[in-house]
Amino acid sequence: GTSGNVYPAAGFVEEVRGAGHGHTVELNLEPSQGHSSFAERAYGRASE
């Protein structure tokens, strides 16, 4: 549920990717600004 354009939070996915072992997942209503950085993505209502 985040837009992916407010730092420093928007850079968290790259911190995980840089560590080299964490799986990254975006769950959002629609793709965030940084959606392509996530290994797994699912879109729809958060409550679902």
ModelCIF file with pLDDT and N, C-alpha, C, O atoms, coordinates in Angstrom:
data_MODEL
#
_entry.id   MODEL 
#
_entity.id                         1 
_entity.type                       polymer 
_entity.pdbx_number_of_molecules   1 
#
_entity_poly.entity_id                      1 
_entity_poly.type                           'polypeptide(L)' 
_entity_poly.nstd_linkage                   no 
_entity_poly.nstd_monomer                   no 
_entity_poly.pdbx_seq_one_letter_code       GTSGNVYPAAGFVEEVRGAGHGHTVELNLEPSQGHSSFAERAYGRASE 
_entity_poly.pdbx_seq_one_letter_code_can   GTSGNVYPAAGFVEEVRGAGHGHTVELNLEPSQGHSSFAERAYGRASE 
_entity_poly.pdbx_strand_id                 A 
#
loop_
_entity_poly_seq.entity_id 
_entity_poly_seq.num 
_entity_poly_seq.mon_id 
_entity_poly_seq.hetero 
1 1  GLY n 
1 2  THR n 
1 3  SER n 
1 4  GLY n 
1 5  ASN n 
1 6  VAL n 
1 7  TYR n 
1 8  PRO n 
1 9  ALA n 
1 10 ALA n 
1 11 GLY n 
1 12 PHE n 
1 13 VAL n 
1 14 GLU n 
1 15 GLU n 
1 16 VAL n 
1 17 ARG n 
1 18 GLY n 
1 19 ALA n 
1 20 GLY n 
1 21 HIS n 
1 22 GLY n 
1 23 HIS n 
1 24 THR n 
1 25 VAL n 
1 26 GLU n 
1 27 LEU n 
1 28 ASN n 
1 29 LEU n 
1 30 GLU n 
1 31 PRO n 
1 32 SER n 
1 33 GLN n 
1 34 GLY n 
1 35 HIS n 
1 36 SER n 
1 37 SER n 
1 38 PHE n 
1 39 ALA n 
1 40 GLU n 
1 41 ARG n 
1 42 ALA n 
1 43 TYR n 
1 44 GLY n 
1 45 ARG n 
1 46 ALA n 
1 47 SER n 
1 48 GLU n 
#
_struct_asym.id          A 
_struct_asym.entity_id   1 
#
loop_
_ma_qa_metric.id 
_ma_qa_metric.mode 
_ma_qa_metric.name 
_ma_qa_metric.software_group_id 
_ma_qa_metric.type 
1 global pLDDT . pLDDT 
2 local  pLDDT . pLDDT 
#
_ma_qa_metric_global.metric_id      1 
_ma_qa_metric_global.metric_value   94.46 
_ma_qa_metric_global.model_id       1 
_ma_qa_metric_global.ordinal_id     1 
#
loop_
_ma_qa_metric_local.label_asym_id 
_ma_qa_metric_local.label_comp_id 
_ma_qa_metric_local.label_seq_id 
_ma_qa_metric_local.metric_id 
_ma_qa_metric_local.metric_value 
_ma_qa_metric_local.model_id 
_ma_qa_metric_local.ordinal_id 
A GLY 1  2 95.00 1 1  
A THR 2  2 94.00 1 2  
A SER 3  2 88.00 1 3  
A GLY 4  2 87.00 1 4  
A ASN 5  2 84.00 1 5  
A VAL 6  2 87.00 1 6  
A TYR 7  2 90.00 1 7  
A PRO 8  2 95.00 1 8  
A ALA 9  2 94.00 1 9  
A ALA 10 2 91.00 1 10 
A GLY 11 2 96.00 1 11 
A PHE 12 2 97.00 1 12 
A VAL 13 2 97.00 1 13 
A GLU 14 2 97.00 1 14 
A GLU 15 2 97.00 1 15 
A VAL 16 2 97.00 1 16 
A ARG 17 2 96.00 1 17 
A GLY 18 2 95.00 1 18 
A ALA 19 2 94.00 1 19 
A GLY 20 2 91.00 1 20 
A HIS 21 2 88.00 1 21 
A GLY 22 2 95.00 1 22 
A HIS 23 2 96.00 1 23 
A THR 24 2 97.00 1 24 
A VAL 25 2 97.00 1 25 
A GLU 26 2 98.00 1 26 
A LEU 27 2 98.00 1 27 
A ASN 28 2 96.00 1 28 
A LEU 29 2 94.00 1 29 
A GLU 30 2 94.00 1 30 
A PRO 31 2 95.00 1 31 
A SER 32 2 93.00 1 32 
A GLN 33 2 91.00 1 33 
A GLY 34 2 91.00 1 34 
A HIS 35 2 95.00 1 35 
A SER 36 2 95.00 1 36 
A SER 37 2 95.00 1 37 
A PHE 38 2 97.00 1 38 
A ALA 39 2 96.00 1 39 
A GLU 40 2 96.00 1 40 
A ARG 41 2 97.00 1 41 
A ALA 42 2 97.00 1 42 
A TYR 43 2 97.00 1 43 
A GLY 44 2 97.00 1 44 
A ARG 45 2 96.00 1 45 
A ALA 46 2 97.00 1 46 
A SER 47 2 97.00 1 47 
A GLU 48 2 97.00 1 48 
#
loop_
_atom_site.group_PDB 
_atom_site.id 
_atom_site.type_symbol 
_atom_site.label_atom_id 
_atom_site.label_alt_id 
_atom_site.label_comp_id 
_atom_site.label_asym_id 
_atom_site.label_entity_id 
_atom_site.label_seq_id 
_atom_site.pdbx_PDB_ins_code 
_atom_site.Cartn_x 
_atom_site.Cartn_y 
_atom_site.Cartn_z 
_atom_site.occupancy 
_atom_site.B_iso_or_equiv 
_atom_site.pdbx_formal_charge 
_atom_site.auth_seq_id 
_atom_site.auth_comp_id 
_atom_site.auth_asym_id 
_atom_site.auth_atom_id 
_atom_site.pdbx_PDB_model_num 
ATOM 1   N N  . GLY A 1 1  ? 0.780  -1.230  0.000   1.00 95.00 ? 1  GLY A N  1 
ATOM 2   C CA . GLY A 1 1  ? 0.000  0.000   0.000   1.00 95.00 ? 1  GLY A CA 1 
ATOM 3   C C  . GLY A 1 1  ? 0.807  1.273   0.000   1.00 95.00 ? 1  GLY A C  1 
ATOM 4   O O  . GLY A 1 1  ? 0.407  2.259   0.619   1.00 95.00 ? 1  GLY A O  1 
ATOM 5   N N  . THR A 1 2  ? 1.943  1.272   -0.687  1.00 94.00 ? 2  THR A N  1 
ATOM 6   C CA . THR A 1 2  ? 2.781  2.465   -0.712  1.00 94.00 ? 2  THR A CA 1 
ATOM 7   C C  . THR A 1 2  ? 3.077  2.884   -2.146  1.00 94.00 ? 2  THR A C  1 
ATOM 8   O O  . THR A 1 2  ? 3.222  2.041   -3.031  1.00 94.00 ? 2  THR A O  1 
ATOM 9   N N  . SER A 1 3  ? 3.166  4.180   -2.366  1.00 88.00 ? 3  SER A N  1 
ATOM 10  C CA . SER A 1 3  ? 3.344  4.719   -3.714  1.00 88.00 ? 3  SER A CA 1 
ATOM 11  C C  . SER A 1 3  ? 4.738  4.478   -4.268  1.00 88.00 ? 3  SER A C  1 
ATOM 12  O O  . SER A 1 3  ? 4.925  4.443   -5.484  1.00 88.00 ? 3  SER A O  1 
ATOM 13  N N  . GLY A 1 4  ? 5.710  4.315   -3.396  1.00 87.00 ? 4  GLY A N  1 
ATOM 14  C CA . GLY A 1 4  ? 7.073  4.077   -3.850  1.00 87.00 ? 4  GLY A CA 1 
ATOM 15  C C  . GLY A 1 4  ? 7.792  5.324   -4.313  1.00 87.00 ? 4  GLY A C  1 
ATOM 16  O O  . GLY A 1 4  ? 8.783  5.223   -5.037  1.00 87.00 ? 4  GLY A O  1 
ATOM 17  N N  . ASN A 1 5  ? 7.326  6.499   -3.919  1.00 84.00 ? 5  ASN A N  1 
ATOM 18  C CA . ASN A 1 5  ? 8.025  7.722   -4.319  1.00 84.00 ? 5  ASN A CA 1 
ATOM 19  C C  . ASN A 1 5  ? 8.391  8.621   -3.147  1.00 84.00 ? 5  ASN A C  1 
ATOM 20  O O  . ASN A 1 5  ? 8.740  9.785   -3.341  1.00 84.00 ? 5  ASN A O  1 
ATOM 21  N N  . VAL A 1 6  ? 8.314  8.083   -1.921  1.00 87.00 ? 6  VAL A N  1 
ATOM 22  C CA . VAL A 1 6  ? 8.717  8.847   -0.738  1.00 87.00 ? 6  VAL A CA 1 
ATOM 23  C C  . VAL A 1 6  ? 9.932  8.166   -0.119  1.00 87.00 ? 6  VAL A C  1 
ATOM 24  O O  . VAL A 1 6  ? 9.857  7.020   0.326   1.00 87.00 ? 6  VAL A O  1 
ATOM 25  N N  . TYR A 1 7  ? 11.037 8.875   -0.097  1.00 90.00 ? 7  TYR A N  1 
ATOM 26  C CA . TYR A 1 7  ? 12.261 8.328   0.482   1.00 90.00 ? 7  TYR A CA 1 
ATOM 27  C C  . TYR A 1 7  ? 12.388 8.782   1.935   1.00 90.00 ? 7  TYR A C  1 
ATOM 28  O O  . TYR A 1 7  ? 11.908 9.856   2.300   1.00 90.00 ? 7  TYR A O  1 
ATOM 29  N N  . PRO A 1 8  ? 13.042 7.952   2.771   1.00 95.00 ? 8  PRO A N  1 
ATOM 30  C CA . PRO A 1 8  ? 13.858 6.796   2.416   1.00 95.00 ? 8  PRO A CA 1 
ATOM 31  C C  . PRO A 1 8  ? 13.101 5.484   2.199   1.00 95.00 ? 8  PRO A C  1 
ATOM 32  O O  . PRO A 1 8  ? 13.700 4.516   1.731   1.00 95.00 ? 8  PRO A O  1 
ATOM 33  N N  . ALA A 1 9  ? 11.815 5.418   2.521   1.00 94.00 ? 9  ALA A N  1 
ATOM 34  C CA . ALA A 1 9  ? 11.104 4.139   2.428   1.00 94.00 ? 9  ALA A CA 1 
ATOM 35  C C  . ALA A 1 9  ? 11.111 3.567   1.019   1.00 94.00 ? 9  ALA A C  1 
ATOM 36  O O  . ALA A 1 9  ? 11.165 2.350   0.846   1.00 94.00 ? 9  ALA A O  1 
ATOM 37  N N  . ALA A 1 10 ? 11.057 4.432   0.006   1.00 91.00 ? 10 ALA A N  1 
ATOM 38  C CA . ALA A 1 10 ? 11.033 3.954   -1.376  1.00 91.00 ? 10 ALA A CA 1 
ATOM 39  C C  . ALA A 1 10 ? 12.309 3.200   -1.745  1.00 91.00 ? 10 ALA A C  1 
ATOM 40  O O  . ALA A 1 10 ? 12.317 2.424   -2.700  1.00 91.00 ? 10 ALA A O  1 
ATOM 41  N N  . GLY A 1 11 ? 13.381 3.423   -0.997  1.00 96.00 ? 11 GLY A N  1 
ATOM 42  C CA . GLY A 1 11 ? 14.638 2.743   -1.280  1.00 96.00 ? 11 GLY A CA 1 
ATOM 43  C C  . GLY A 1 11 ? 14.838 1.458   -0.511  1.00 96.00 ? 11 GLY A C  1 
ATOM 44  O O  . GLY A 1 11 ? 15.879 0.816   -0.656  1.00 96.00 ? 11 GLY A O  1 
ATOM 45  N N  . PHE A 1 12 ? 13.873 1.061   0.305   1.00 97.00 ? 12 PHE A N  1 
ATOM 46  C CA . PHE A 1 12 ? 14.056 -0.134  1.126   1.00 97.00 ? 12 PHE A CA 1 
ATOM 47  C C  . PHE A 1 12 ? 14.231 -1.393  0.279   1.00 97.00 ? 12 PHE A C  1 
ATOM 48  O O  . PHE A 1 12 ? 15.039 -2.259  0.613   1.00 97.00 ? 12 PHE A O  1 
ATOM 49  N N  . VAL A 1 13 ? 13.480 -1.494  -0.812  1.00 97.00 ? 13 VAL A N  1 
ATOM 50  C CA . VAL A 1 13 ? 13.589 -2.692  -1.649  1.00 97.00 ? 13 VAL A CA 1 
ATOM 51  C C  . VAL A 1 13 ? 15.011 -2.846  -2.190  1.00 97.00 ? 13 VAL A C  1 
ATOM 52  O O  . VAL A 1 13 ? 15.511 -3.966  -2.297  1.00 97.00 ? 13 VAL A O  1 
ATOM 53  N N  . GLU A 1 14 ? 15.663 -1.745  -2.528  1.00 97.00 ? 14 GLU A N  1 
ATOM 54  C CA . GLU A 1 14 ? 17.034 -1.833  -3.039  1.00 97.00 ? 14 GLU A CA 1 
ATOM 55  C C  . GLU A 1 14 ? 18.012 -2.208  -1.927  1.00 97.00 ? 14 GLU A C  1 
ATOM 56  O O  . GLU A 1 14 ? 19.021 -2.864  -2.187  1.00 97.00 ? 14 GLU A O  1 
ATOM 57  N N  . GLU A 1 15 ? 17.724 -1.802  -0.702  1.00 97.00 ? 15 GLU A N  1 
ATOM 58  C CA . GLU A 1 15 ? 18.557 -2.237  0.424   1.00 97.00 ? 15 GLU A CA 1 
ATOM 59  C C  . GLU A 1 15 ? 18.514 -3.753  0.563   1.00 97.00 ? 15 GLU A C  1 
ATOM 60  O O  . GLU A 1 15 ? 19.545 -4.388  0.789   1.00 97.00 ? 15 GLU A O  1 
ATOM 61  N N  . VAL A 1 16 ? 17.324 -4.334  0.429   1.00 97.00 ? 16 VAL A N  1 
ATOM 62  C CA . VAL A 1 16 ? 17.176 -5.787  0.547   1.00 97.00 ? 16 VAL A CA 1 
ATOM 63  C C  . VAL A 1 16 ? 17.859 -6.478  -0.629  1.00 97.00 ? 16 VAL A C  1 
ATOM 64  O O  . VAL A 1 16 ? 18.578 -7.462  -0.453  1.00 97.00 ? 16 VAL A O  1 
ATOM 65  N N  . ARG A 1 17 ? 17.628 -5.956  -1.818  1.00 96.00 ? 17 ARG A N  1 
ATOM 66  C CA . ARG A 1 17 ? 18.275 -6.536  -3.008  1.00 96.00 ? 17 ARG A CA 1 
ATOM 67  C C  . ARG A 1 17 ? 19.792 -6.476  -2.883  1.00 96.00 ? 17 ARG A C  1 
ATOM 68  O O  . ARG A 1 17 ? 20.490 -7.410  -3.278  1.00 96.00 ? 17 ARG A O  1 
ATOM 69  N N  . GLY A 1 18 ? 20.296 -5.388  -2.338  1.00 95.00 ? 18 GLY A N  1 
ATOM 70  C CA . GLY A 1 18 ? 21.736 -5.238  -2.191  1.00 95.00 ? 18 GLY A CA 1 
ATOM 71  C C  . GLY A 1 18 ? 22.339 -6.223  -1.214  1.00 95.00 ? 18 GLY A C  1 
ATOM 72  O O  . GLY A 1 18 ? 23.502 -6.606  -1.345  1.00 95.00 ? 18 GLY A O  1 
ATOM 73  N N  . ALA A 1 19 ? 21.542 -6.639  -0.224  1.00 94.00 ? 19 ALA A N  1 
ATOM 74  C CA . ALA A 1 19 ? 22.033 -7.629  0.745   1.00 94.00 ? 19 ALA A CA 1 
ATOM 75  C C  . ALA A 1 19 ? 22.165 -9.007  0.117   1.00 94.00 ? 19 ALA A C  1 
ATOM 76  O O  . ALA A 1 19 ? 22.947 -9.834  0.586   1.00 94.00 ? 19 ALA A O  1 
ATOM 77  N N  . GLY A 1 20 ? 21.396 -9.258  -0.955  1.00 91.00 ? 20 GLY A N  1 
ATOM 78  C CA . GLY A 1 20 ? 21.616 -10.436 -1.773  1.00 91.00 ? 20 GLY A CA 1 
ATOM 79  C C  . GLY A 1 20 ? 20.867 -11.694 -1.415  1.00 91.00 ? 20 GLY A C  1 
ATOM 80  O O  . GLY A 1 20 ? 21.036 -12.701 -2.102  1.00 91.00 ? 20 GLY A O  1 
ATOM 81  N N  . HIS A 1 21 ? 20.032 -11.699 -0.361  1.00 88.00 ? 21 HIS A N  1 
ATOM 82  C CA . HIS A 1 21 ? 19.384 -12.961 -0.001  1.00 88.00 ? 21 HIS A CA 1 
ATOM 83  C C  . HIS A 1 21 ? 17.906 -12.826 0.323   1.00 88.00 ? 21 HIS A C  1 
ATOM 84  O O  . HIS A 1 21 ? 17.241 -13.843 0.525   1.00 88.00 ? 21 HIS A O  1 
ATOM 85  N N  . GLY A 1 22 ? 17.368 -11.631 0.380   1.00 95.00 ? 22 GLY A N  1 
ATOM 86  C CA . GLY A 1 22 ? 15.974 -11.454 0.752   1.00 95.00 ? 22 GLY A CA 1 
ATOM 87  C C  . GLY A 1 22 ? 15.056 -11.453 -0.459  1.00 95.00 ? 22 GLY A C  1 
ATOM 88  O O  . GLY A 1 22 ? 15.358 -10.822 -1.472  1.00 95.00 ? 22 GLY A O  1 
ATOM 89  N N  . HIS A 1 23 ? 13.932 -12.161 -0.356  1.00 96.00 ? 23 HIS A N  1 
ATOM 90  C CA . HIS A 1 23 ? 12.906 -12.158 -1.393  1.00 96.00 ? 23 HIS A CA 1 
ATOM 91  C C  . HIS A 1 23 ? 12.055 -10.898 -1.223  1.00 96.00 ? 23 HIS A C  1 
ATOM 92  O O  . HIS A 1 23 ? 11.733 -10.519 -0.097  1.00 96.00 ? 23 HIS A O  1 
ATOM 93  N N  . THR A 1 24 ? 11.690 -10.251 -2.326  1.00 97.00 ? 24 THR A N  1 
ATOM 94  C CA . THR A 1 24 ? 10.970 -8.982  -2.267  1.00 97.00 ? 24 THR A CA 1 
ATOM 95  C C  . THR A 1 24 ? 9.603  -9.118  -2.925  1.00 97.00 ? 24 THR A C  1 
ATOM 96  O O  . THR A 1 24 ? 9.477  -9.693  -4.007  1.00 97.00 ? 24 THR A O  1 
ATOM 97  N N  . VAL A 1 25 ? 8.574  -8.581  -2.257  1.00 97.00 ? 25 VAL A N  1 
ATOM 98  C CA . VAL A 1 25 ? 7.193  -8.713  -2.718  1.00 97.00 ? 25 VAL A CA 1 
ATOM 99  C C  . VAL A 1 25 ? 6.483  -7.371  -2.594  1.00 97.00 ? 25 VAL A C  1 
ATOM 100 O O  . VAL A 1 25 ? 6.552  -6.717  -1.554  1.00 97.00 ? 25 VAL A O  1 
ATOM 101 N N  . GLU A 1 26 ? 5.799  -6.965  -3.662  1.00 98.00 ? 26 GLU A N  1 
ATOM 102 C CA . GLU A 1 26 ? 4.943  -5.782  -3.613  1.00 98.00 ? 26 GLU A CA 1 
ATOM 103 C C  . GLU A 1 26 ? 3.479  -6.214  -3.661  1.00 98.00 ? 26 GLU A C  1 
ATOM 104 O O  . GLU A 1 26 ? 3.067  -6.940  -4.566  1.00 98.00 ? 26 GLU A O  1 
ATOM 105 N N  . LEU A 1 27 ? 2.700  -5.762  -2.681  1.00 98.00 ? 27 LEU A N  1 
ATOM 106 C CA . LEU A 1 27 ? 1.257  -5.972  -2.639  1.00 98.00 ? 27 LEU A CA 1 
ATOM 107 C C  . LEU A 1 27 ? 0.622  -4.589  -2.639  1.00 98.00 ? 27 LEU A C  1 
ATOM 108 O O  . LEU A 1 27 ? 0.756  -3.839  -1.672  1.00 98.00 ? 27 LEU A O  1 
ATOM 109 N N  . ASN A 1 28 ? -0.063 -4.256  -3.713  1.00 96.00 ? 28 ASN A N  1 
ATOM 110 C CA . ASN A 1 28 ? -0.520 -2.889  -3.872  1.00 96.00 ? 28 ASN A CA 1 
ATOM 111 C C  . ASN A 1 28 ? -1.783 -2.849  -4.706  1.00 96.00 ? 28 ASN A C  1 
ATOM 112 O O  . ASN A 1 28 ? -2.118 -3.816  -5.390  1.00 96.00 ? 28 ASN A O  1 
ATOM 113 N N  . LEU A 1 29 ? -2.485 -1.726  -4.647  1.00 94.00 ? 29 LEU A N  1 
ATOM 114 C CA . LEU A 1 29 ? -3.664 -1.560  -5.494  1.00 94.00 ? 29 LEU A CA 1 
ATOM 115 C C  . LEU A 1 29 ? -3.263 -1.491  -6.958  1.00 94.00 ? 29 LEU A C  1 
ATOM 116 O O  . LEU A 1 29 ? -3.962 -2.012  -7.826  1.00 94.00 ? 29 LEU A O  1 
ATOM 117 N N  . GLU A 1 30 ? -2.141 -0.850  -7.226  1.00 94.00 ? 30 GLU A N  1 
ATOM 118 C CA . GLU A 1 30 ? -1.590 -0.741  -8.579  1.00 94.00 ? 30 GLU A CA 1 
ATOM 119 C C  . GLU A 1 30 ? -0.081 -0.672  -8.474  1.00 94.00 ? 30 GLU A C  1 
ATOM 120 O O  . GLU A 1 30 ? 0.438  -0.424  -7.386  1.00 94.00 ? 30 GLU A O  1 
ATOM 121 N N  . PRO A 1 31 ? 0.648  -0.883  -9.570  1.00 95.00 ? 31 PRO A N  1 
ATOM 122 C CA . PRO A 1 31 ? 2.110  -0.860  -9.493  1.00 95.00 ? 31 PRO A CA 1 
ATOM 123 C C  . PRO A 1 31 ? 2.632  0.463   -8.934  1.00 95.00 ? 31 PRO A C  1 
ATOM 124 O O  . PRO A 1 31 ? 2.191  1.542   -9.328  1.00 95.00 ? 31 PRO A O  1 
ATOM 125 N N  . SER A 1 32 ? 3.574  0.350   -8.013  1.00 93.00 ? 32 SER A N  1 
ATOM 126 C CA . SER A 1 32 ? 4.202  1.539   -7.447  1.00 93.00 ? 32 SER A CA 1 
ATOM 127 C C  . SER A 1 32 ? 5.248  2.070   -8.409  1.00 93.00 ? 32 SER A C  1 
ATOM 128 O O  . SER A 1 32 ? 5.526  1.467   -9.445  1.00 93.00 ? 32 SER A O  1 
ATOM 129 N N  . GLN A 1 33 ? 5.823  3.204   -8.049  1.00 91.00 ? 33 GLN A N  1 
ATOM 130 C CA . GLN A 1 33 ? 6.863  3.781   -8.890  1.00 91.00 ? 33 GLN A CA 1 
ATOM 131 C C  . GLN A 1 33 ? 8.058  2.835   -9.027  1.00 91.00 ? 33 GLN A C  1 
ATOM 132 O O  . GLN A 1 33 ? 8.722  2.814   -10.064 1.00 91.00 ? 33 GLN A O  1 
ATOM 133 N N  . GLY A 1 34 ? 8.328  2.053   -7.976  1.00 91.00 ? 34 GLY A N  1 
ATOM 134 C CA . GLY A 1 34 ? 9.472  1.143   -8.021  1.00 91.00 ? 34 GLY A CA 1 
ATOM 135 C C  . GLY A 1 34 ? 9.097  -0.311  -8.199  1.00 91.00 ? 34 GLY A C  1 
ATOM 136 O O  . GLY A 1 34 ? 9.842  -1.193  -7.772  1.00 91.00 ? 34 GLY A O  1 
ATOM 137 N N  . HIS A 1 35 ? 7.957  -0.585  -8.822  1.00 95.00 ? 35 HIS A N  1 
ATOM 138 C CA . HIS A 1 35 ? 7.442  -1.963  -8.894  1.00 95.00 ? 35 HIS A CA 1 
ATOM 139 C C  . HIS A 1 35 ? 8.399  -2.936  -9.549  1.00 95.00 ? 35 HIS A C  1 
ATOM 140 O O  . HIS A 1 35 ? 8.434  -4.110  -9.180  1.00 95.00 ? 35 HIS A O  1 
ATOM 141 N N  . SER A 1 36 ? 9.181  -2.469  -10.523 1.00 95.00 ? 36 SER A N  1 
ATOM 142 C CA . SER A 1 36 ? 10.048 -3.385  -11.262 1.00 95.00 ? 36 SER A CA 1 
ATOM 143 C C  . SER A 1 36 ? 11.194 -3.928  -10.414 1.00 95.00 ? 36 SER A C  1 
ATOM 144 O O  . SER A 1 36 ? 11.855 -4.885  -10.818 1.00 95.00 ? 36 SER A O  1 
ATOM 145 N N  . SER A 1 37 ? 11.439 -3.340  -9.257  1.00 95.00 ? 37 SER A N  1 
ATOM 146 C CA . SER A 1 37 ? 12.513 -3.818  -8.376  1.00 95.00 ? 37 SER A CA 1 
ATOM 147 C C  . SER A 1 37 ? 12.105 -5.039  -7.563  1.00 95.00 ? 37 SER A C  1 
ATOM 148 O O  . SER A 1 37 ? 12.951 -5.685  -6.947  1.00 95.00 ? 37 SER A O  1 
ATOM 149 N N  . PHE A 1 38 ? 10.805 -5.360  -7.557  1.00 97.00 ? 38 PHE A N  1 
ATOM 150 C CA . PHE A 1 38 ? 10.320 -6.467  -6.741  1.00 97.00 ? 38 PHE A CA 1 
ATOM 151 C C  . PHE A 1 38 ? 10.305 -7.776  -7.525  1.00 97.00 ? 38 PHE A C  1 
ATOM 152 O O  . PHE A 1 38 ? 9.945  -7.799  -8.702  1.00 97.00 ? 38 PHE A O  1 
ATOM 153 N N  . ALA A 1 39 ? 10.695 -8.858  -6.869  1.00 96.00 ? 39 ALA A N  1 
ATOM 154 C CA . ALA A 1 39 ? 10.706 -10.171 -7.514  1.00 96.00 ? 39 ALA A CA 1 
ATOM 155 C C  . ALA A 1 39 ? 9.300  -10.721 -7.698  1.00 96.00 ? 39 ALA A C  1 
ATOM 156 O O  . ALA A 1 39 ? 9.058  -11.511 -8.611  1.00 96.00 ? 39 ALA A O  1 
ATOM 157 N N  . GLU A 1 40 ? 8.377  -10.312 -6.846  1.00 96.00 ? 40 GLU A N  1 
ATOM 158 C CA . GLU A 1 40 ? 7.011  -10.824 -6.873  1.00 96.00 ? 40 GLU A CA 1 
ATOM 159 C C  . GLU A 1 40 ? 6.061  -9.661  -6.655  1.00 96.00 ? 40 GLU A C  1 
ATOM 160 O O  . GLU A 1 40 ? 6.298  -8.802  -5.805  1.00 96.00 ? 40 GLU A O  1 
ATOM 161 N N  . ARG A 1 41 ? 4.968  -9.638  -7.440  1.00 97.00 ? 41 ARG A N  1 
ATOM 162 C CA . ARG A 1 41 ? 4.006  -8.540  -7.306  1.00 97.00 ? 41 ARG A CA 1 
ATOM 163 C C  . ARG A 1 41 ? 2.595  -9.079  -7.412  1.00 97.00 ? 41 ARG A C  1 
ATOM 164 O O  . ARG A 1 41 ? 2.319  -9.997  -8.185  1.00 97.00 ? 41 ARG A O  1 
ATOM 165 N N  . ALA A 1 42 ? 1.705  -8.494  -6.623  1.00 97.00 ? 42 ALA A N  1 
ATOM 166 C CA . ALA A 1 42 ? 0.282  -8.816  -6.718  1.00 97.00 ? 42 ALA A CA 1 
ATOM 167 C C  . ALA A 1 42 ? -0.494 -7.532  -6.500  1.00 97.00 ? 42 ALA A C  1 
ATOM 168 O O  . ALA A 1 42 ? -0.150 -6.730  -5.632  1.00 97.00 ? 42 ALA A O  1 
ATOM 169 N N  . TYR A 1 43 ? -1.551 -7.335  -7.297  1.00 97.00 ? 43 TYR A N  1 
ATOM 170 C CA . TYR A 1 43 ? -2.278 -6.072  -7.261  1.00 97.00 ? 43 TYR A CA 1 
ATOM 171 C C  . TYR A 1 43 ? -3.761 -6.293  -7.046  1.00 97.00 ? 43 TYR A C  1 
ATOM 172 O O  . TYR A 1 43 ? -4.364 -7.209  -7.606  1.00 97.00 ? 43 TYR A O  1 
ATOM 173 N N  . GLY A 1 44 ? -4.332 -5.434  -6.222  1.00 97.00 ? 44 GLY A N  1 
ATOM 174 C CA . GLY A 1 44 ? -5.742 -5.512  -5.894  1.00 97.00 ? 44 GLY A CA 1 
ATOM 175 C C  . GLY A 1 44 ? -5.993 -4.819  -4.563  1.00 97.00 ? 44 GLY A C  1 
ATOM 176 O O  . GLY A 1 44 ? -5.103 -4.168  -4.017  1.00 97.00 ? 44 GLY A O  1 
ATOM 177 N N  . ARG A 1 45 ? -7.195 -4.961  -4.050  1.00 96.00 ? 45 ARG A N  1 
ATOM 178 C CA . ARG A 1 45 ? -7.551 -4.349  -2.770  1.00 96.00 ? 45 ARG A CA 1 
ATOM 179 C C  . ARG A 1 45 ? -6.742 -4.982  -1.640  1.00 96.00 ? 45 ARG A C  1 
ATOM 180 O O  . ARG A 1 45 ? -6.622 -6.205  -1.560  1.00 96.00 ? 45 ARG A O  1 
ATOM 181 N N  . ALA A 1 46 ? -6.191 -4.140  -0.771  1.00 97.00 ? 46 ALA A N  1 
ATOM 182 C CA . ALA A 1 46 ? -5.371 -4.649  0.328   1.00 97.00 ? 46 ALA A CA 1 
ATOM 183 C C  . ALA A 1 46 ? -6.140 -5.635  1.185   1.00 97.00 ? 46 ALA A C  1 
ATOM 184 O O  . ALA A 1 46 ? -5.576 -6.627  1.646   1.00 97.00 ? 46 ALA A O  1 
ATOM 185 N N  . SER A 1 47 ? -7.423 -5.375  1.404   1.00 97.00 ? 47 SER A N  1 
ATOM 186 C CA . SER A 1 47 ? -8.231 -6.245  2.262   1.00 97.00 ? 47 SER A CA 1 
ATOM 187 C C  . SER A 1 47 ? -8.418 -7.633  1.674   1.00 97.00 ? 47 SER A C  1 
ATOM 188 O O  . SER A 1 47 ? -8.854 -8.547  2.374   1.00 97.00 ? 47 SER A O  1 
ATOM 189 N N  . GLU A 1 48 ? -8.096 -7.801  0.402   1.00 97.00 ? 48 GLU A N  1 
ATOM 190 C CA . GLU A 1 48 ? -8.206 -9.103  -0.250  1.00 97.00 ? 48 GLU A CA 1 
ATOM 191 C C  . GLU A 1 48 ? -6.848 -9.756  -0.477  1.00 97.00 ? 48 GLU A C  1 
ATOM 192 O O  . GLU A 1 48 ? -6.776 -10.859 -1.018  1.00 97.00 ? 48 GLU A O  1 
#
